[in-house]
Amino acid sequence: QVQLVESGGGLVQAGGSLRLSCAASGRIFSINAMGWYRQAPGKQRELVAITSGGSTNYADSVKGRFTISRDNAKNTVYLQMNSLKPEDTAVYYCNADLNTYSKPHGMDYWGKGTLVTVSS
């Protein structure tokens, strides 16, 4: 069974930094894409950053402050968050499109989320 486990969330002051990690485990033979989404209270879940096919994309609200990276050997994706703002407060979810032996044509997987709270 494939599982995604996030870590690194917590409480920080505005202007601070956090690094989120998401490790995928299971019978994975290739990664199509890995990314981060977030959902703030009372708002829809939104894409924060994604890495796929050697390219990266960011939401305009985090561009220049956040950096996504991936370690394929460890099936792990990271999100370095700098210059955090109170509006970054949200539950951050890891998402991965993975090819597995049971589902070789790809399937989306989600972590349970990690809370990031930025105080003003």
C-alpha atoms as a PDB file:
ATOM      1  CA  GLN A   1       0.000   0.000   0.000  1.00  0.00           C
ATOM      2  CA  VAL A   2       1.307   3.445  -0.933  1.00  0.00           C
ATOM      3  CA  GLN A   3       1.399   6.030   1.808  1.00  0.00           C
ATOM      4  CA  LEU A   4       2.496   9.663   1.936  1.00  0.00           C
ATOM      5  CA  VAL A   5       3.759  10.994   5.248  1.00  0.00           C
ATOM      6  CA  GLU A   6       4.283  14.730   5.759  1.00  0.00           C
ATOM      7  CA  SER A   7       6.419  16.373   8.396  1.00  0.00           C
ATOM      8  CA  GLY A   8       7.802  19.787   9.264  1.00  0.00           C
ATOM      9  CA  GLY A   9       4.701  21.806  10.031  1.00  0.00           C
ATOM     10  CA  GLY A  10       4.394  23.951  13.102  1.00  0.00           C
ATOM     11  CA  LEU A  11       3.996  27.433  14.519  1.00  0.00           C
ATOM     12  CA  VAL A  12       6.285  30.228  13.350  1.00  0.00           C
ATOM     13  CA  GLN A  13       6.323  34.006  13.440  1.00  0.00           C
ATOM     14  CA  ALA A  14       5.900  36.111  10.325  1.00  0.00           C
ATOM     15  CA  GLY A  15       9.148  36.309   8.406  1.00  0.00           C
ATOM     16  CA  GLY A  16      10.289  32.907   9.588  1.00  0.00           C
ATOM     17  CA  SER A  17      10.959  29.724   7.661  1.00  0.00           C
ATOM     18  CA  LEU A  18       9.837  26.117   7.641  1.00  0.00           C
ATOM     19  CA  ARG A  19      10.761  23.107   5.549  1.00  0.00           C
ATOM     20  CA  LEU A  20       8.096  20.530   4.832  1.00  0.00           C
ATOM     21  CA  SER A  21       8.925  16.980   3.823  1.00  0.00           C
ATOM     22  CA  CYS A  22       6.775  14.283   2.287  1.00  0.00           C
ATOM     23  CA  ALA A  23       7.996  10.727   1.915  1.00  0.00           C
ATOM     24  CA  ALA A  24       6.164   8.203  -0.229  1.00  0.00           C
ATOM     25  CA  SER A  25       6.441   4.536   0.615  1.00  0.00           C
ATOM     26  CA  GLY A  26       5.236   1.374  -1.054  1.00  0.00           C
ATOM     27  CA  ARG A  27       5.787  -0.524  -4.275  1.00  0.00           C
ATOM     28  CA  ILE A  28       6.629   2.532  -6.381  1.00  0.00           C
ATOM     29  CA  PHE A  29       8.572   2.193  -9.593  1.00  0.00           C
ATOM     30  CA  SER A  30       8.289   5.721 -10.958  1.00  0.00           C
ATOM     31  CA  ILE A  31       7.070   9.186 -10.036  1.00  0.00           C
ATOM     32  CA  ASN A  32       5.025  11.258 -12.454  1.00  0.00           C
ATOM     33  CA  ALA A  33       4.599  14.301 -10.234  1.00  0.00           C
ATOM     34  CA  MET A  34       4.763  15.395  -6.624  1.00  0.00           C
ATOM     35  CA  GLY A  35       3.438  18.590  -5.161  1.00  0.00           C
ATOM     36  CA  TRP A  36       1.970  20.524  -2.299  1.00  0.00           C
ATOM     37  CA  TYR A  37      -1.506  21.886  -1.776  1.00  0.00           C
ATOM     38  CA  ARG A  38      -2.896  23.899   1.101  1.00  0.00           C
ATOM     39  CA  GLN A  39      -6.264  24.700   2.559  1.00  0.00           C
ATOM     40  CA  ALA A  40      -6.835  27.694   4.801  1.00  0.00           C
ATOM     41  CA  PRO A  41      -9.869  27.958   7.094  1.00  0.00           C
ATOM     42  CA  GLY A  42     -12.997  28.684   5.089  1.00  0.00           C
ATOM     43  CA  LYS A  43     -11.209  28.469   1.753  1.00  0.00           C
ATOM     44  CA  GLN A  44     -10.825  25.966  -1.065  1.00  0.00           C
ATOM     45  CA  ARG A  45      -7.792  23.752  -1.339  1.00  0.00           C
ATOM     46  CA  GLU A  46      -5.266  25.304  -3.704  1.00  0.00           C
ATOM     47  CA  LEU A  47      -2.108  24.229  -5.468  1.00  0.00           C
ATOM     48  CA  VAL A  48       1.018  25.659  -3.864  1.00  0.00           C
ATOM     49  CA  ALA A  49       3.795  24.061  -5.899  1.00  0.00           C
ATOM     50  CA  ILE A  50       4.348  21.037  -8.101  1.00  0.00           C
ATOM     51  CA  THR A  51       7.296  19.346  -9.750  1.00  0.00           C
ATOM     52  CA  SER A  52       6.759  17.197 -12.816  1.00  0.00           C
ATOM     53  CA  GLY A  53       8.901  16.201 -15.772  1.00  0.00           C
ATOM     54  CA  GLY A  54      11.783  18.356 -14.614  1.00  0.00           C
ATOM     55  CA  SER A  55       9.678  21.495 -14.384  1.00  0.00           C
ATOM     56  CA  THR A  56       8.215  23.325 -11.417  1.00  0.00           C
ATOM     57  CA  ASN A  57       5.178  25.526 -10.996  1.00  0.00           C
ATOM     58  CA  TYR A  58       4.186  27.789  -8.135  1.00  0.00           C
ATOM     59  CA  ALA A  59       1.150  29.699  -7.075  1.00  0.00           C
ATOM     60  CA  ASP A  60       1.653  33.412  -7.612  1.00  0.00           C
ATOM     61  CA  SER A  61       1.174  34.034  -3.911  1.00  0.00           C
ATOM     62  CA  VAL A  62       4.269  31.996  -2.980  1.00  0.00           C
ATOM     63  CA  LYS A  63       6.528  32.600  -5.974  1.00  0.00           C
ATOM     64  CA  GLY A  64       9.927  33.833  -4.880  1.00  0.00           C
ATOM     65  CA  ARG A  65       9.399  32.693  -1.291  1.00  0.00           C
ATOM     66  CA  PHE A  66       8.803  28.942  -1.566  1.00  0.00           C
ATOM     67  CA  THR A  67      10.951  26.336  -3.294  1.00  0.00           C
ATOM     68  CA  ILE A  68       9.903  22.805  -4.155  1.00  0.00           C
ATOM     69  CA  SER A  69      12.464  20.056  -4.651  1.00  0.00           C
ATOM     70  CA  ARG A  70      12.432  16.297  -5.048  1.00  0.00           C
ATOM     71  CA  ASP A  71      14.703  13.406  -4.211  1.00  0.00           C
ATOM     72  CA  ASN A  72      13.627  10.585  -6.505  1.00  0.00           C
ATOM     73  CA  ALA A  73      15.903   8.040  -4.841  1.00  0.00           C
ATOM     74  CA  LYS A  74      14.093   8.614  -1.558  1.00  0.00           C
ATOM     75  CA  ASN A  75      10.635   9.185  -3.090  1.00  0.00           C
ATOM     76  CA  THR A  76      10.534  12.421  -1.138  1.00  0.00           C
ATOM     77  CA  VAL A  77       9.409  15.941  -1.969  1.00  0.00           C
ATOM     78  CA  TYR A  78      10.286  19.045   0.026  1.00  0.00           C
ATOM     79  CA  LEU A  79       8.850  22.521   0.330  1.00  0.00           C
ATOM     80  CA  GLN A  80      11.184  25.190   1.648  1.00  0.00           C
ATOM     81  CA  MET A  81       9.073  28.096   2.870  1.00  0.00           C
ATOM     82  CA  ASN A  82      10.789  31.406   3.553  1.00  0.00           C
ATOM     83  CA  SER A  83       9.492  34.849   4.486  1.00  0.00           C
ATOM     84  CA  LEU A  84       6.303  33.321   5.806  1.00  0.00           C
ATOM     85  CA  LYS A  85       3.224  35.495   6.111  1.00  0.00           C
ATOM     86  CA  PRO A  86       0.099  35.069   8.233  1.00  0.00           C
ATOM     87  CA  GLU A  87      -1.862  34.385   5.051  1.00  0.00           C
ATOM     88  CA  ASP A  88       0.273  31.262   4.542  1.00  0.00           C
ATOM     89  CA  THR A  89      -1.479  29.700   7.521  1.00  0.00           C
ATOM     90  CA  ALA A  90      -3.138  26.510   6.307  1.00  0.00           C
ATOM     91  CA  VAL A  91      -3.091  22.755   6.373  1.00  0.00           C
ATOM     92  CA  TYR A  92      -0.530  21.680   3.803  1.00  0.00           C
ATOM     93  CA  TYR A  93      -1.145  18.453   1.913  1.00  0.00           C
ATOM     94  CA  CYS A  94       1.332  16.384  -0.032  1.00  0.00           C
ATOM     95  CA  ASN A  95       0.121  14.997  -3.347  1.00  0.00           C
ATOM     96  CA  ALA A  96       1.790  12.512  -5.655  1.00  0.00           C
ATOM     97  CA  ASP A  97       0.972  10.933  -9.000  1.00  0.00           C
ATOM     98  CA  LEU A  98       2.759   7.600  -8.809  1.00  0.00           C
ATOM     99  CA  ASN A  99       3.135   4.505 -10.935  1.00  0.00           C
ATOM    100  CA  THR A 100       2.983   1.340  -8.863  1.00  0.00           C
ATOM    101  CA  TYR A 101       3.037  -2.346  -9.649  1.00  0.00           C
ATOM    102  CA  SER A 102      -0.666  -2.630  -8.907  1.00  0.00           C
ATOM    103  CA  LYS A 103      -1.576   0.601 -10.755  1.00  0.00           C
ATOM    104  CA  PRO A 104       1.137   1.028 -13.401  1.00  0.00           C
ATOM    105  CA  HIS A 105      -0.657   3.794 -15.314  1.00  0.00           C
ATOM    106  CA  GLY A 106      -0.576   6.255 -12.459  1.00  0.00           C
ATOM    107  CA  MET A 107      -2.753   7.227  -9.552  1.00  0.00           C
ATOM    108  CA  ASP A 108      -3.055  10.203  -7.216  1.00  0.00           C
ATOM    109  CA  TYR A 109      -2.181   9.784  -3.562  1.00  0.00           C
ATOM    110  CA  TRP A 110      -2.624  12.233  -0.691  1.00  0.00           C
ATOM    111  CA  GLY A 111      -1.058  12.712   2.693  1.00  0.00           C
ATOM    112  CA  LYS A 112      -3.138  13.504   5.738  1.00  0.00           C
ATOM    113  CA  GLY A 113      -1.806  17.050   5.961  1.00  0.00           C
ATOM    114  CA  THR A 114       0.392  19.053   8.291  1.00  0.00           C
ATOM    115  CA  LEU A 115      -0.636  22.330   9.905  1.00  0.00           C
ATOM    116  CA  VAL A 116       1.408  25.471   9.331  1.00  0.00           C
ATOM    117  CA  THR A 117       0.496  28.449  11.496  1.00  0.00           C
ATOM    118  CA  VAL A 118       2.156  31.822  10.954  1.00  0.00           C
ATOM    119  CA  SER A 119       1.593  34.402  13.659  1.00  0.00           C
ATOM    120  CA  SER A 120       1.726  38.148  13.069  1.00  0.00           C
END
